[in-house]
Amino acid sequence: MKVLLVALNSQFVHSSLAIHSLHAAVKGKKGCEISMKEYTINQEEDHILRDLAGKKPDLICFSCYIWNIETVRRLVRNIKKIDPSIKILLGGPEISY
């Protein structure tokens, strides 16, 4: 399975501990090809969307926080329009269900 961990940070100088920790825990596991992408909330959503879709993942995992949840929601809707077969997993403090 091709897994893509995604963080939308508030600034370029920030890095997501969450996706780096998950990547380290899963890296090297048999049957799982895992990679990471970090963006900022100030980047154009079309650019992010094209980049994500171009990776051809089976699963995209988003790290969700108060500063990125609305952007993540829009990206998820648009990813599903481009390729409904991509599975989406949301995690982080903004996810309550």
N, C-alpha and C. Protein backbone atom coordinates (compact mmCIF):
# COMPACT_ATOMS: atom_id res chain seq x y z
N MET A 1 0.85 -1.18 0.00
CA MET A 1 0.00 0.00 0.00
C MET A 1 0.89 1.23 0.00
N LYS A 2 0.52 2.18 -0.82
CA LYS A 2 1.27 3.44 -0.94
C LYS A 2 0.58 4.49 -0.06
N VAL A 3 1.26 4.88 1.03
CA VAL A 3 0.70 5.80 2.02
C VAL A 3 1.44 7.14 1.95
N LEU A 4 0.66 8.22 1.98
CA LEU A 4 1.22 9.56 1.96
C LEU A 4 0.76 10.31 3.21
N LEU A 5 1.71 10.71 4.05
CA LEU A 5 1.42 11.50 5.24
C LEU A 5 1.55 12.96 4.88
N VAL A 6 0.53 13.77 5.23
CA VAL A 6 0.50 15.16 4.80
C VAL A 6 0.29 16.09 5.99
N ALA A 7 1.09 17.16 6.02
CA ALA A 7 0.93 18.22 7.02
C ALA A 7 0.79 19.55 6.29
N LEU A 8 -0.15 20.36 6.75
CA LEU A 8 -0.29 21.74 6.29
C LEU A 8 0.09 22.62 7.46
N ASN A 9 1.33 23.04 7.47
CA ASN A 9 1.85 23.84 8.58
C ASN A 9 1.45 25.30 8.43
N SER A 10 1.55 26.04 9.51
CA SER A 10 1.18 27.46 9.44
C SER A 10 2.27 28.30 8.79
N GLN A 11 3.52 27.84 8.83
CA GLN A 11 4.63 28.56 8.22
C GLN A 11 5.67 27.56 7.71
N PHE A 12 6.51 28.01 6.77
CA PHE A 12 7.56 27.13 6.24
C PHE A 12 8.58 26.73 7.31
N VAL A 13 8.77 27.55 8.31
CA VAL A 13 9.77 27.23 9.33
C VAL A 13 9.29 26.15 10.29
N HIS A 14 8.00 25.82 10.23
CA HIS A 14 7.46 24.77 11.10
C HIS A 14 7.56 23.42 10.40
N SER A 15 7.67 22.39 11.20
CA SER A 15 7.67 21.03 10.69
C SER A 15 6.76 20.20 11.58
N SER A 16 6.10 19.22 11.01
CA SER A 16 5.11 18.44 11.74
C SER A 16 5.75 17.24 12.44
N LEU A 17 5.79 17.29 13.74
CA LEU A 17 6.30 16.17 14.53
C LEU A 17 5.41 14.94 14.32
N ALA A 18 4.12 15.16 14.17
CA ALA A 18 3.17 14.04 14.02
C ALA A 18 3.51 13.17 12.82
N ILE A 19 3.66 13.78 11.65
CA ILE A 19 3.90 12.93 10.48
C ILE A 19 5.30 12.34 10.48
N HIS A 20 6.26 13.04 11.07
CA HIS A 20 7.62 12.49 11.16
C HIS A 20 7.64 11.28 12.10
N SER A 21 6.89 11.35 13.19
CA SER A 21 6.81 10.23 14.13
C SER A 21 6.13 9.02 13.49
N LEU A 22 5.01 9.27 12.79
CA LEU A 22 4.31 8.18 12.11
C LEU A 22 5.18 7.56 11.02
N HIS A 23 5.88 8.39 10.29
CA HIS A 23 6.77 7.91 9.23
C HIS A 23 7.85 7.00 9.82
N ALA A 24 8.45 7.43 10.91
CA ALA A 24 9.51 6.63 11.55
C ALA A 24 8.97 5.30 12.06
N ALA A 25 7.73 5.30 12.57
CA ALA A 25 7.15 4.07 13.11
C ALA A 25 6.81 3.06 12.02
N VAL A 26 6.45 3.53 10.84
CA VAL A 26 5.98 2.64 9.77
C VAL A 26 7.07 2.33 8.74
N LYS A 27 8.04 3.20 8.61
CA LYS A 27 9.09 3.04 7.58
C LYS A 27 9.72 1.65 7.68
N GLY A 28 9.83 1.01 6.54
CA GLY A 28 10.45 -0.30 6.49
C GLY A 28 9.50 -1.47 6.73
N LYS A 29 8.26 -1.20 7.06
CA LYS A 29 7.29 -2.28 7.27
C LYS A 29 6.97 -2.92 5.92
N LYS A 30 6.90 -4.20 5.92
CA LYS A 30 6.63 -4.95 4.69
C LYS A 30 5.24 -4.60 4.15
N GLY A 31 5.18 -4.36 2.85
CA GLY A 31 3.90 -4.09 2.20
C GLY A 31 3.42 -2.66 2.30
N CYS A 32 4.24 -1.78 2.87
CA CYS A 32 3.83 -0.38 3.03
C CYS A 32 4.93 0.55 2.52
N GLU A 33 4.60 1.28 1.49
CA GLU A 33 5.50 2.30 0.95
C GLU A 33 5.00 3.64 1.50
N ILE A 34 5.75 4.25 2.39
CA ILE A 34 5.28 5.45 3.08
C ILE A 34 6.16 6.65 2.74
N SER A 35 5.51 7.79 2.53
CA SER A 35 6.24 9.02 2.26
C SER A 35 5.52 10.19 2.94
N MET A 36 6.19 11.33 2.98
CA MET A 36 5.65 12.53 3.64
C MET A 36 5.70 13.72 2.70
N LYS A 37 4.75 14.62 2.90
CA LYS A 37 4.76 15.91 2.21
C LYS A 37 4.32 16.97 3.21
N GLU A 38 5.06 18.07 3.24
CA GLU A 38 4.68 19.19 4.10
C GLU A 38 4.46 20.42 3.24
N TYR A 39 3.38 21.11 3.54
CA TYR A 39 3.00 22.35 2.85
C TYR A 39 2.70 23.39 3.91
N THR A 40 2.34 24.58 3.47
CA THR A 40 1.84 25.58 4.41
C THR A 40 0.43 25.97 3.99
N ILE A 41 -0.29 26.56 4.93
CA ILE A 41 -1.65 26.99 4.64
C ILE A 41 -1.67 28.17 3.67
N ASN A 42 -0.52 28.77 3.43
CA ASN A 42 -0.44 29.90 2.51
C ASN A 42 -0.18 29.49 1.06
N GLN A 43 0.11 28.22 0.84
CA GLN A 43 0.33 27.75 -0.53
C GLN A 43 -1.01 27.60 -1.25
N GLU A 44 -0.98 27.74 -2.56
CA GLU A 44 -2.21 27.61 -3.34
C GLU A 44 -2.72 26.18 -3.27
N GLU A 45 -4.01 26.06 -2.99
CA GLU A 45 -4.61 24.74 -2.85
C GLU A 45 -4.52 23.93 -4.14
N ASP A 46 -4.62 24.58 -5.28
CA ASP A 46 -4.50 23.86 -6.56
C ASP A 46 -3.13 23.21 -6.70
N HIS A 47 -2.09 23.91 -6.25
CA HIS A 47 -0.74 23.35 -6.30
C HIS A 47 -0.65 22.12 -5.39
N ILE A 48 -1.17 22.24 -4.17
CA ILE A 48 -1.14 21.13 -3.22
C ILE A 48 -1.91 19.95 -3.80
N LEU A 49 -3.08 20.22 -4.32
CA LEU A 49 -3.94 19.18 -4.88
C LEU A 49 -3.26 18.43 -6.03
N ARG A 50 -2.67 19.17 -6.95
CA ARG A 50 -1.96 18.54 -8.08
C ARG A 50 -0.79 17.70 -7.59
N ASP A 51 -0.06 18.23 -6.61
CA ASP A 51 1.09 17.51 -6.07
C ASP A 51 0.66 16.20 -5.40
N LEU A 52 -0.40 16.26 -4.60
CA LEU A 52 -0.89 15.06 -3.91
C LEU A 52 -1.39 14.03 -4.91
N ALA A 53 -2.21 14.46 -5.86
CA ALA A 53 -2.76 13.54 -6.85
C ALA A 53 -1.66 12.92 -7.70
N GLY A 54 -0.62 13.68 -7.96
CA GLY A 54 0.50 13.19 -8.76
C GLY A 54 1.30 12.09 -8.09
N LYS A 55 1.21 11.99 -6.78
CA LYS A 55 1.92 10.94 -6.04
C LYS A 55 1.25 9.58 -6.19
N LYS A 56 -0.01 9.56 -6.63
CA LYS A 56 -0.79 8.33 -6.83
C LYS A 56 -0.82 7.44 -5.58
N PRO A 57 -1.17 8.01 -4.42
CA PRO A 57 -1.21 7.20 -3.21
C PRO A 57 -2.48 6.35 -3.13
N ASP A 58 -2.42 5.29 -2.36
CA ASP A 58 -3.62 4.52 -2.03
C ASP A 58 -4.34 5.15 -0.85
N LEU A 59 -3.55 5.76 0.04
CA LEU A 59 -4.07 6.36 1.27
C LEU A 59 -3.35 7.68 1.53
N ILE A 60 -4.13 8.72 1.80
CA ILE A 60 -3.56 10.01 2.22
C ILE A 60 -4.00 10.25 3.66
N CYS A 61 -3.04 10.51 4.54
CA CYS A 61 -3.30 10.79 5.95
C CYS A 61 -2.97 12.25 6.23
N PHE A 62 -3.97 13.00 6.68
CA PHE A 62 -3.78 14.41 6.99
C PHE A 62 -3.68 14.62 8.49
N SER A 63 -2.76 15.46 8.91
CA SER A 63 -2.63 15.90 10.29
C SER A 63 -3.43 17.20 10.43
N CYS A 64 -4.49 17.17 11.25
CA CYS A 64 -5.47 18.27 11.29
C CYS A 64 -5.40 19.08 12.58
N TYR A 65 -5.27 20.38 12.39
CA TYR A 65 -5.20 21.33 13.50
C TYR A 65 -6.14 22.49 13.22
N ILE A 66 -6.32 23.35 14.20
CA ILE A 66 -7.23 24.48 14.06
C ILE A 66 -6.85 25.39 12.90
N TRP A 67 -5.55 25.52 12.60
CA TRP A 67 -5.12 26.42 11.54
C TRP A 67 -5.23 25.82 10.14
N ASN A 68 -5.50 24.50 10.03
CA ASN A 68 -5.55 23.93 8.69
C ASN A 68 -6.81 23.13 8.36
N ILE A 69 -7.71 22.98 9.32
CA ILE A 69 -8.84 22.06 9.13
C ILE A 69 -9.73 22.45 7.95
N GLU A 70 -9.99 23.72 7.76
CA GLU A 70 -10.86 24.12 6.64
C GLU A 70 -10.19 23.84 5.30
N THR A 71 -8.90 24.09 5.21
CA THR A 71 -8.17 23.78 3.98
C THR A 71 -8.15 22.28 3.74
N VAL A 72 -7.93 21.50 4.79
CA VAL A 72 -7.92 20.05 4.65
C VAL A 72 -9.27 19.56 4.14
N ARG A 73 -10.36 20.08 4.68
CA ARG A 73 -11.70 19.67 4.23
C ARG A 73 -11.88 19.93 2.74
N ARG A 74 -11.46 21.09 2.28
CA ARG A 74 -11.58 21.40 0.85
C ARG A 74 -10.71 20.46 0.01
N LEU A 75 -9.49 20.22 0.47
CA LEU A 75 -8.59 19.33 -0.26
C LEU A 75 -9.17 17.92 -0.35
N VAL A 76 -9.73 17.43 0.73
CA VAL A 76 -10.32 16.09 0.74
C VAL A 76 -11.45 15.99 -0.28
N ARG A 77 -12.34 16.98 -0.29
CA ARG A 77 -13.44 16.98 -1.26
C ARG A 77 -12.90 16.94 -2.69
N ASN A 78 -11.89 17.74 -2.96
CA ASN A 78 -11.34 17.80 -4.32
C ASN A 78 -10.53 16.57 -4.69
N ILE A 79 -9.83 15.98 -3.74
CA ILE A 79 -9.10 14.73 -4.01
C ILE A 79 -10.09 13.65 -4.42
N LYS A 80 -11.21 13.57 -3.72
CA LYS A 80 -12.22 12.56 -4.02
C LYS A 80 -12.84 12.78 -5.40
N LYS A 81 -12.90 14.03 -5.84
CA LYS A 81 -13.41 14.31 -7.20
C LYS A 81 -12.41 13.83 -8.25
N ILE A 82 -11.13 14.01 -7.97
CA ILE A 82 -10.08 13.61 -8.91
C ILE A 82 -9.94 12.09 -8.97
N ASP A 83 -9.90 11.46 -7.79
CA ASP A 83 -9.72 10.01 -7.73
C ASP A 83 -10.46 9.45 -6.52
N PRO A 84 -11.71 9.01 -6.73
CA PRO A 84 -12.51 8.49 -5.61
C PRO A 84 -11.93 7.25 -4.95
N SER A 85 -10.98 6.57 -5.59
CA SER A 85 -10.42 5.36 -5.01
C SER A 85 -9.40 5.65 -3.91
N ILE A 86 -8.90 6.87 -3.84
CA ILE A 86 -7.93 7.22 -2.79
C ILE A 86 -8.64 7.25 -1.44
N LYS A 87 -8.10 6.50 -0.50
CA LYS A 87 -8.64 6.50 0.86
C LYS A 87 -8.04 7.69 1.60
N ILE A 88 -8.85 8.27 2.50
CA ILE A 88 -8.42 9.43 3.27
C ILE A 88 -8.54 9.11 4.76
N LEU A 89 -7.51 9.46 5.52
CA LEU A 89 -7.52 9.30 6.97
C LEU A 89 -7.17 10.64 7.58
N LEU A 90 -8.01 11.11 8.49
CA LEU A 90 -7.77 12.37 9.19
C LEU A 90 -7.42 12.07 10.63
N GLY A 91 -6.40 12.75 11.15
CA GLY A 91 -6.01 12.58 12.54
C GLY A 91 -5.58 13.91 13.12
N GLY A 92 -5.46 13.95 14.43
CA GLY A 92 -5.05 15.18 15.10
C GLY A 92 -6.13 15.72 16.01
N PRO A 93 -5.84 16.81 16.70
CA PRO A 93 -6.76 17.35 17.70
C PRO A 93 -8.07 17.90 17.15
N GLU A 94 -8.17 18.18 15.87
CA GLU A 94 -9.42 18.72 15.32
C GLU A 94 -10.41 17.63 14.91
N ILE A 95 -10.02 16.38 15.02
CA ILE A 95 -10.90 15.29 14.61
C ILE A 95 -11.60 14.73 15.84
N SER A 96 -12.93 14.74 15.79
CA SER A 96 -13.68 14.29 16.97
C SER A 96 -14.66 13.17 16.66
N TYR A 97 -14.64 12.64 15.44
CA TYR A 97 -15.56 11.55 15.09
C TYR A 97 -14.93 10.64 14.07
